[in-house]
């Protein structure tokens, strides 16, 4: 059984999944622990599966590919992978490699220090942002964070960075309860973590905005959907105070 599983949700990532695998597996191959990379195809219609199946990793790192159809959303893909991970420590990261895998060292230090969850935050002092999002998206993110803080009572300034690490127990208990399939699954998981008493650490991160995102909120309807999803969270879990 691997000590670490990295879950990578992927939707039509044939053009950049190899770079992400190359960087990630090169790092993992130098580590003293065993590991696996689990790529989850969220209803991809391109050749993502063929690319991953054709990838040959070193013996010390396992690579698995799982897929389903149709497309269900990033949150569904992450949950699908986290609940099928074999590692004692489980993480998910974005397929666009916006966060370099070397940042995992910080997360593992947090886990070794007794935390159940370690999450990268672009808002912390010490973070390095190589390429910012456009102004409209950054303003929307600030409004979203303010509403999230008031409504859910979680005070993290950056819940959407796609680089989070969990103990196996935390991953199982939280993702089994996850209901949202969209990108707003992160605050749902963190809200559940707070209610269930899991300890969460934040760490600064190096991050680069990748313009060709597979998740686009480029009109009013899509933007409103984000806030609608956020307001659903507490109603989805009536038994958790």
Protein backbone atom coordinates (compact mmCIF):
# COMPACT_ATOMS: atom_id res chain seq x y z
CA UNK A 1 0.00 0.00 0.00
CA UNK A 2 1.43 3.43 -0.92
CA UNK A 3 2.07 5.96 1.82
CA UNK A 4 0.89 8.85 -0.39
CA UNK A 5 -1.79 9.13 -3.06
CA UNK A 6 -2.07 12.21 -5.28
CA UNK A 7 -5.47 12.61 -6.94
CA UNK A 8 -5.57 14.69 -10.13
CA UNK A 9 -9.04 15.50 -11.53
CA UNK A 10 -8.86 15.90 -15.29
CA UNK A 11 -11.26 17.09 -17.96
CA UNK A 12 -9.85 17.16 -21.51
CA UNK A 13 -6.27 17.53 -20.31
CA UNK A 14 -4.45 15.66 -23.07
CA UNK A 15 -2.39 18.77 -23.89
CA UNK A 16 -0.90 19.29 -20.43
CA UNK A 17 -1.31 16.16 -18.31
CA UNK A 18 2.09 14.83 -19.42
CA UNK A 19 3.89 17.92 -18.10
CA UNK A 20 2.04 17.59 -14.80
CA UNK A 21 2.87 13.88 -14.57
CA UNK A 22 6.51 14.46 -15.52
CA UNK A 23 7.02 17.09 -12.81
CA UNK A 24 5.04 15.24 -10.16
CA UNK A 25 6.56 11.82 -10.72
CA UNK A 26 10.11 13.18 -10.94
CA UNK A 27 9.60 14.65 -7.46
CA UNK A 28 7.94 11.52 -6.06
CA UNK A 29 10.69 9.29 -7.43
CA UNK A 30 13.21 11.09 -5.20
CA UNK A 31 11.20 10.66 -2.00
CA UNK A 32 11.80 7.94 0.64
CA UNK A 33 8.11 6.97 0.79
CA UNK A 34 6.00 4.96 -1.65
CA UNK A 35 3.41 6.81 -3.70
CA UNK A 36 0.80 6.63 -6.42
CA UNK A 37 -0.78 9.15 -8.77
CA UNK A 38 -4.48 8.67 -9.49
CA UNK A 39 -5.80 10.54 -12.54
CA UNK A 40 -9.59 10.85 -12.64
CA UNK A 41 -11.11 11.64 -16.03
CA UNK A 42 -14.31 13.62 -15.46
CA UNK A 43 -16.04 12.57 -18.67
CA UNK A 44 -13.21 13.69 -20.95
CA UNK A 45 -13.94 13.63 -24.67
CA UNK A 46 -10.33 13.96 -25.83
CA UNK A 47 -7.41 11.54 -25.54
CA UNK A 48 -6.59 12.14 -21.87
CA UNK A 49 -7.03 8.44 -21.14
CA UNK A 50 -4.78 7.32 -23.98
CA UNK A 51 -2.08 9.74 -22.86
CA UNK A 52 -2.14 8.53 -19.26
CA UNK A 53 -2.33 4.84 -20.23
CA UNK A 54 0.72 5.37 -22.43
CA UNK A 55 2.71 6.99 -19.66
CA UNK A 56 5.51 4.87 -18.17
CA UNK A 57 6.42 5.85 -14.60
CA UNK A 58 9.42 4.59 -12.62
CA UNK A 59 8.87 1.44 -10.54
CA UNK A 60 8.76 3.42 -7.30
CA UNK A 61 5.65 5.40 -8.32
CA UNK A 62 2.32 3.90 -9.35
CA UNK A 63 -0.01 5.59 -11.83
CA UNK A 64 -3.68 4.68 -12.07
CA UNK A 65 -6.31 6.05 -14.42
CA UNK A 66 -10.04 5.98 -13.68
CA UNK A 67 -12.81 7.49 -15.75
CA UNK A 68 -16.56 7.79 -15.95
CA UNK A 69 -19.08 9.50 -18.20
CA UNK A 70 -20.69 11.96 -18.55
CA UNK A 71 -18.89 14.99 -17.12
CA UNK A 72 -20.04 15.51 -13.52
CA UNK A 73 -17.93 18.43 -12.25
CA UNK A 74 -14.60 18.91 -10.48
CA UNK A 75 -16.04 18.25 -7.03
CA UNK A 76 -17.40 14.88 -8.14
CA UNK A 77 -14.07 13.94 -9.72
CA UNK A 78 -12.09 14.82 -6.61
CA UNK A 79 -14.49 12.89 -4.36
CA UNK A 80 -14.36 9.91 -6.73
CA UNK A 81 -10.59 9.82 -6.49
CA UNK A 82 -10.21 10.60 -2.79
CA UNK A 83 -12.50 7.71 -1.85
CA UNK A 84 -10.51 5.30 -4.05
CA UNK A 85 -7.07 6.40 -2.92
CA UNK A 86 -4.92 3.77 -1.21
CA UNK A 87 -2.41 6.02 0.55
CA UNK A 88 -2.12 6.78 4.25
CA UNK A 89 -1.93 10.44 3.21
CA UNK A 90 -4.16 11.65 0.37
CA UNK A 91 -4.05 14.90 -1.55
CA UNK A 92 -5.56 16.46 -4.62
CA UNK A 93 -3.95 18.88 -7.03
CA UNK A 94 -5.04 20.56 -10.25
CA UNK A 95 -4.09 19.10 -13.61
CA UNK A 96 -2.82 22.45 -14.89
CA UNK A 97 0.14 22.36 -12.47
CA UNK A 98 -0.53 25.88 -11.16
CA UNK A 99 1.18 24.84 -7.91
CA UNK A 100 4.58 23.13 -8.17
CA UNK A 101 4.71 19.72 -6.50
CA UNK A 102 7.62 20.82 -4.31
CA UNK A 103 5.06 22.71 -2.18
CA UNK A 104 4.01 19.29 -0.89
CA UNK A 105 6.99 19.43 1.51
CA UNK A 106 5.23 22.20 3.47
CA UNK A 107 1.98 20.28 3.60
CA UNK A 108 3.62 17.09 4.84
CA UNK A 109 5.36 19.03 7.59
CA UNK A 110 1.94 20.22 8.76
CA UNK A 111 0.55 16.67 8.72
CA UNK A 112 3.59 15.39 10.62
CA UNK A 113 2.97 18.17 13.14
CA UNK A 114 -0.43 16.71 14.00
CA UNK A 115 -2.81 18.47 11.61
CA UNK A 116 -5.49 16.48 9.80
CA UNK A 117 -5.59 18.77 6.74
CA UNK A 118 -3.00 21.05 5.16
CA UNK A 119 -4.21 23.54 2.56
CA UNK A 120 -2.25 25.85 0.30
CA UNK A 121 -3.29 29.50 0.52
CA UNK A 122 -2.37 32.20 -1.96
CA UNK A 123 -3.50 34.83 0.55
CA UNK A 124 -0.86 34.12 3.20
CA UNK A 125 2.26 36.19 3.70
CA UNK A 126 5.12 34.45 1.96
CA UNK A 127 3.07 33.25 -1.00
CA UNK A 128 4.45 33.99 -4.45
CA UNK A 129 1.96 34.74 -7.24
CA UNK A 130 3.78 34.51 -10.56
CA UNK A 131 0.72 35.34 -12.66
CA UNK A 132 -2.46 36.93 -11.31
CA UNK A 133 -6.02 36.33 -12.47
CA UNK A 134 -7.79 39.22 -14.20
CA UNK A 135 -9.14 42.05 -12.02
CA UNK A 136 -12.81 41.08 -12.38
CA UNK A 137 -12.12 37.54 -11.19
CA UNK A 138 -10.05 38.75 -8.24
CA UNK A 139 -12.81 41.15 -7.15
CA UNK A 140 -15.40 38.36 -7.44
CA UNK A 141 -13.15 36.14 -5.34
CA UNK A 142 -12.99 38.75 -2.57
CA UNK A 143 -16.77 39.14 -2.52
CA UNK A 144 -17.14 35.37 -2.47
CA UNK A 145 -14.69 35.05 0.43
CA UNK A 146 -16.51 37.69 2.45
CA UNK A 147 -19.88 35.95 1.99
CA UNK A 148 -18.31 32.58 2.73
CA UNK A 149 -16.83 33.90 5.99
CA UNK A 150 -20.10 35.44 7.18
CA UNK A 151 -22.37 32.60 6.06
CA UNK A 152 -20.26 29.53 6.85
CA UNK A 153 -18.11 30.90 9.64
CA UNK A 154 -14.86 29.63 8.10
CA UNK A 155 -12.25 32.35 8.10
CA UNK A 156 -9.84 31.07 5.46
CA UNK A 157 -9.02 33.75 2.91
CA UNK A 158 -8.36 31.25 0.14
CA UNK A 159 -10.42 28.06 0.01
CA UNK A 160 -10.20 27.56 -3.75
CA UNK A 161 -6.51 26.81 -4.24
CA UNK A 162 -6.45 23.28 -5.65
CA UNK A 163 -3.68 21.84 -3.50
CA UNK A 164 -4.89 20.18 -0.28
CA UNK A 165 -3.54 17.28 1.75
CA UNK A 166 -5.47 15.02 4.15
CA UNK A 167 -4.82 12.17 6.51
CA UNK A 168 -6.54 9.01 5.32
CA UNK A 169 -9.09 9.23 8.15
CA UNK A 170 -9.97 12.85 7.42
CA UNK A 171 -10.28 12.18 3.69
CA UNK A 172 -12.62 9.24 4.22
CA UNK A 173 -14.88 10.88 6.76
CA UNK A 174 -15.15 14.19 4.91
CA UNK A 175 -15.44 13.09 1.29
CA UNK A 176 -17.98 10.41 2.15
CA UNK A 177 -20.22 13.26 3.33
CA UNK A 178 -19.54 15.60 0.40
CA UNK A 179 -22.65 16.50 -1.61
CA UNK A 180 -21.58 19.22 -4.05
CA UNK A 181 -20.17 18.21 -7.43
CA UNK A 182 -19.07 21.70 -8.53
CA UNK A 183 -15.92 23.69 -7.75
CA UNK A 184 -17.53 24.86 -4.51
CA UNK A 185 -16.81 21.51 -2.89
CA UNK A 186 -13.74 23.02 -1.17
CA UNK A 187 -15.67 25.23 1.30
CA UNK A 188 -18.12 22.38 1.86
CA UNK A 189 -15.25 20.10 2.90
CA UNK A 190 -13.69 22.80 5.09
CA UNK A 191 -17.03 23.62 6.72
CA UNK A 192 -17.53 19.93 7.48
CA UNK A 193 -13.98 19.71 8.82
CA UNK A 194 -14.64 22.54 11.25
CA UNK A 195 -17.91 21.02 12.44
CA UNK A 196 -16.32 17.59 12.87
CA UNK A 197 -13.29 18.84 14.78
CA UNK A 198 -10.54 18.21 12.26
CA UNK A 199 -7.46 20.42 12.60
CA UNK A 200 -6.59 22.46 9.51
CA UNK A 201 -3.26 24.13 8.73
CA UNK A 202 -2.64 26.71 6.02
CA UNK A 203 0.69 27.25 4.31
CA UNK A 204 1.94 29.84 1.79
CA UNK A 205 2.33 28.69 -1.76
CA UNK A 206 3.91 29.53 -5.10
CA UNK A 207 1.12 29.78 -7.65
CA UNK A 208 0.74 30.70 -11.31
CA UNK A 209 -2.60 31.51 -12.93
CA UNK A 210 -3.13 29.31 -15.99
CA UNK A 211 -5.26 31.24 -18.48
CA UNK A 212 -6.59 28.19 -20.33
CA UNK A 213 -8.72 26.98 -17.43
CA UNK A 214 -11.21 24.15 -18.00
CA UNK A 215 -13.50 25.92 -15.51
CA UNK A 216 -14.80 29.20 -16.87
CA UNK A 217 -17.15 31.60 -15.07
CA UNK A 218 -17.33 34.12 -17.86
CA UNK A 219 -20.95 35.28 -17.63
CA UNK A 220 -23.46 36.35 -15.00
CA UNK A 221 -25.34 33.05 -14.95
CA UNK A 222 -22.22 31.04 -14.17
CA UNK A 223 -21.09 33.55 -11.55
CA UNK A 224 -24.47 33.41 -9.79
CA UNK A 225 -24.27 29.61 -9.81
CA UNK A 226 -21.15 29.80 -7.62
CA UNK A 227 -23.00 31.77 -4.95
CA UNK A 228 -26.05 29.51 -5.19
CA UNK A 229 -23.84 26.51 -4.54
CA UNK A 230 -22.23 28.23 -1.57
CA UNK A 231 -25.59 28.92 0.06
CA UNK A 232 -26.63 25.27 -0.35
CA UNK A 233 -23.90 23.91 1.90
CA UNK A 234 -25.54 24.26 5.29
CA UNK A 235 -28.87 22.94 3.98
CA UNK A 236 -27.18 19.85 2.56
CA UNK A 237 -26.01 18.78 6.01
CA UNK A 238 -28.91 19.37 8.41
CA UNK A 239 -27.63 16.81 10.91
CA UNK A 240 -24.31 18.59 11.45
CA UNK A 241 -24.50 21.54 13.83
